[in-house]
Protein backbone atom coordinates (compact mmCIF):
# COMPACT_ATOMS: atom_id res chain seq x y z
CA MET A 1 -4.38 3.67 -3.43
CA PRO A 2 -0.84 3.26 -4.71
CA VAL A 3 0.98 0.15 -3.62
CA LEU A 4 4.35 0.94 -2.11
CA VAL A 5 5.49 -2.69 -1.78
CA GLY A 6 8.74 -3.17 -3.66
CA LYS A 7 9.37 0.56 -3.86
CA ARG A 8 11.63 2.87 -1.90
CA ALA A 9 9.88 4.16 1.23
CA PRO A 10 9.17 7.90 1.02
CA ILE A 11 11.85 9.67 3.08
CA PHE A 12 10.99 12.72 5.16
CA LYS A 13 12.21 14.98 7.91
CA ALA A 14 9.73 15.88 10.62
CA PRO A 15 9.50 16.84 14.29
CA THR A 16 9.39 13.66 16.36
CA VAL A 17 8.92 13.02 20.05
CA ILE A 18 11.13 10.36 21.63
CA GLY A 19 10.29 10.11 25.34
CA GLN A 20 9.65 13.77 26.08
CA GLN A 21 12.44 15.09 23.82
CA VAL A 22 11.66 16.66 20.46
CA GLU A 23 13.93 15.98 17.54
CA GLN A 24 13.11 18.54 14.85
CA GLU A 25 14.46 16.71 11.81
CA PHE A 26 13.89 13.03 12.45
CA SER A 27 14.34 10.90 9.32
CA LEU A 28 14.21 7.23 8.32
CA ASP A 29 17.67 7.70 6.81
CA ARG A 30 19.22 6.93 10.19
CA TYR A 31 18.10 3.26 9.87
CA LEU A 32 19.17 2.58 6.29
CA GLY A 33 21.66 -0.26 6.15
CA LYS A 34 21.19 -0.95 9.90
CA ARG A 35 17.67 -1.93 10.92
CA TYR A 36 14.26 -2.81 9.64
CA VAL A 37 11.60 -0.17 10.24
CA LEU A 38 8.00 -0.75 11.18
CA LEU A 39 6.34 2.57 10.47
CA PHE A 40 2.72 2.75 11.54
CA PHE A 41 0.18 5.52 11.17
CA TYR A 42 -2.74 6.14 13.50
CA PRO A 43 -5.58 8.69 13.36
CA ALA A 44 -5.22 10.83 16.50
CA ASP A 45 -3.77 11.28 19.97
CA PHE A 46 -6.32 11.28 22.81
CA SER A 47 -8.76 9.05 20.93
CA GLY A 48 -10.44 5.89 22.18
CA LEU A 49 -8.86 3.22 19.98
CA CYS A 50 -5.37 4.62 19.31
CA PRO A 51 -3.93 4.20 22.79
CA THR A 52 -4.76 0.49 22.75
CA GLU A 53 -2.58 0.07 19.66
CA LEU A 54 0.32 2.19 20.88
CA LEU A 55 0.37 0.44 24.22
CA ALA A 56 0.22 -2.94 22.47
CA PHE A 57 3.21 -1.92 20.28
CA GLN A 58 5.05 -0.84 23.42
CA ALA A 59 4.31 -4.16 25.15
CA MET A 60 5.81 -6.04 22.20
CA LEU A 61 8.67 -3.57 21.64
CA PRO A 62 11.31 -5.94 23.15
CA GLU A 63 10.30 -8.60 20.55
CA PHE A 64 10.67 -6.11 17.70
CA GLU A 65 14.01 -4.81 19.04
CA ARG A 66 15.31 -8.41 19.44
CA ARG A 67 14.66 -8.83 15.70
CA GLY A 68 16.45 -5.58 14.77
CA VAL A 69 13.25 -3.60 14.06
CA ALA A 70 12.75 0.07 14.85
CA VAL A 71 9.08 0.76 15.69
CA ILE A 72 7.91 4.29 14.78
CA GLY A 73 4.43 5.76 15.12
CA CYS A 74 3.02 8.71 13.16
CA SER A 75 -0.12 10.78 13.33
CA THR A 76 -1.21 14.19 12.02
CA ASP A 77 -1.02 15.68 15.53
CA SER A 78 1.61 18.23 16.57
CA HIS A 79 4.65 17.33 18.63
CA GLN A 80 3.14 19.32 21.53
CA THR A 81 0.04 17.06 21.42
CA HIS A 82 2.28 13.98 21.38
CA GLN A 83 4.13 15.28 24.45
CA ALA A 84 0.88 15.94 26.31
CA TRP A 85 -0.43 12.45 25.46
CA LEU A 86 2.82 10.86 26.62
CA ARG A 87 2.49 12.71 29.97
CA THR A 88 -1.11 11.53 30.44
CA PRO A 89 -1.50 8.38 32.61
CA GLN A 90 -2.78 5.27 30.86
CA ALA A 91 -5.74 5.14 33.21
CA GLU A 92 -6.82 8.53 31.80
CA GLY A 93 -6.47 7.53 28.12
CA GLY A 94 -2.81 8.48 27.85
CA ILE A 95 0.24 6.57 26.71
CA SER A 96 2.75 7.28 29.47
CA GLY A 97 5.55 4.76 29.23
CA VAL A 98 5.68 4.62 25.42
CA THR A 99 9.32 4.90 24.38
CA PHE A 100 9.36 4.54 20.56
CA PRO A 101 9.41 7.67 18.35
CA LEU A 102 6.15 9.47 17.50
CA ILE A 103 6.32 11.53 14.34
CA ALA A 104 4.34 14.76 14.25
CA ASP A 105 2.92 14.97 10.73
CA ALA A 106 1.06 18.22 11.32
CA THR A 107 1.54 19.26 7.70
CA LYS A 108 0.01 15.91 6.66
CA THR A 109 2.58 15.45 3.90
CA ILE A 110 4.02 12.22 5.26
CA SER A 111 0.56 10.66 5.51
CA ALA A 112 -0.17 11.87 1.95
CA ASN A 113 3.14 10.51 0.60
CA TYR A 114 2.36 7.08 2.13
CA ASP A 115 -1.23 7.45 0.79
CA VAL A 116 -2.90 6.97 4.18
CA LEU A 117 -4.41 10.44 4.55
CA ALA A 118 -8.17 10.18 5.11
CA GLY A 119 -10.46 13.15 4.62
CA HIS A 120 -10.89 15.92 2.10
CA TYR A 121 -7.85 17.75 0.79
CA ASP A 122 -6.49 19.11 -2.45
CA TYR A 123 -3.46 20.97 -3.74
CA ASN A 124 -3.62 24.66 -4.62
CA GLU A 125 -1.90 26.29 -7.60
CA THR A 126 1.38 26.57 -5.68
CA GLY A 127 1.36 22.88 -4.74
CA GLU A 128 0.41 23.37 -1.07
CA MET A 129 -2.18 21.11 0.50
CA THR A 130 -5.48 22.71 1.41
CA PHE A 131 -7.98 21.00 3.73
CA ILE A 132 -11.69 20.80 4.30
CA GLY A 133 -12.05 19.92 7.96
CA SER A 134 -9.19 18.09 9.65
CA PRO A 135 -7.93 15.05 7.72
CA GLN A 136 -6.38 12.26 9.75
CA ALA A 137 -4.32 9.20 8.90
CA TYR A 138 -5.79 5.79 8.28
CA ARG A 139 -4.22 2.92 10.26
CA GLY A 140 -1.38 2.25 7.88
CA LEU A 141 1.49 -0.08 8.63
CA PHE A 142 4.66 -0.34 6.52
CA LEU A 143 7.50 -2.83 7.02
CA ILE A 144 10.64 -1.36 5.46
CA ASP A 145 13.81 -3.40 4.93
CA ARG A 146 17.37 -2.24 5.67
CA ASP A 147 17.73 -0.98 2.12
CA GLY A 148 14.72 1.32 2.53
CA ILE A 149 12.35 -0.80 0.43
CA VAL A 150 8.73 -1.33 1.58
CA ARG A 151 8.19 -5.10 1.93
CA HIS A 152 4.75 -5.15 3.55
CA GLN A 153 1.87 -2.67 3.53
CA LEU A 154 -1.42 -2.83 5.42
CA VAL A 155 -4.03 -0.10 5.67
CA ASN A 156 -7.15 -0.28 7.85
CA ASP A 157 -9.96 2.21 8.21
CA ARG A 158 -9.77 4.37 11.30
CA PHE A 159 -12.25 2.25 13.31
CA LEU A 160 -10.41 -1.10 12.76
CA GLY A 161 -7.53 -1.86 15.16
CA ARG A 162 -4.56 -4.01 14.25
CA ARG A 163 -3.29 -7.18 15.83
CA ILE A 164 0.34 -6.37 16.69
CA SER A 165 1.42 -10.00 16.60
CA ASP A 166 0.56 -10.04 12.85
CA ALA A 167 3.15 -7.33 12.32
CA LEU A 168 5.72 -9.37 14.25
CA ARG A 169 4.88 -12.44 12.09
CA MET A 170 5.54 -10.39 8.94
CA VAL A 171 8.97 -9.35 10.32
CA ASP A 172 9.75 -13.01 11.00
CA ALA A 173 8.62 -14.00 7.53
CA LEU A 174 10.77 -11.32 5.85
CA ARG A 175 13.81 -12.25 7.90
CA HIS A 176 13.27 -15.95 7.12
CA TYR A 177 13.06 -15.22 3.41
CA GLU A 178 16.19 -13.05 3.51
CA GLU A 179 18.19 -15.58 5.53
CA HIS A 180 17.05 -18.83 3.84
CA GLY A 181 15.54 -17.81 0.51
CA GLU A 182 12.37 -19.73 1.39
CA THR A 183 8.93 -18.28 0.90
CA CYS A 184 6.48 -18.31 3.81
CA PRO A 185 3.04 -19.83 3.04
CA ALA A 186 -0.30 -18.88 4.57
CA ASN A 187 -0.43 -19.24 8.37
CA TRP A 188 3.37 -19.75 8.50
CA GLU A 189 4.87 -19.16 11.93
CA ALA A 190 8.54 -18.63 12.80
CA ASP A 191 8.75 -21.74 14.90
CA GLU A 192 7.88 -23.83 11.82
CA ALA A 193 11.16 -22.95 10.11
């Protein structure tokens, strides 16, 4: 697996659902020079574990926004599937109430470019991806700074959920380093600064 830390985040344009609206050519470019980006990948809409993560990100969204971080989710589902999942009540396994953007990586190229695509695929002679079955994304998480550089990368297998507070801690650590030039040791917390 390639390490993207210290490298420019792969840029893309893709259909993205924000609320119930579809933006056909959503790109990370809109945040360059303005905000940090927390881009996270998850395997599938309407699955058992994924809504717990998306709802946990939503619950902590005010904390991320207060720190100048745009939270963006991405799966290999279509934008229509994202919209249906957003309309489904939480009590029925849905994610109604989620307000951050959900990227529809139906072509699976974004997941492949971030090297989080799980499953069997190859490239044919014209460079197009071909699939055996239906590959999904691993649970990847990328913290991207305002210059578009990946500063933190974490990838879990599909059956291992993330602790969202750990992502917030990494944001705090990056901001602390940028503002004070001090490294953040193991178990460092923002209130220790």
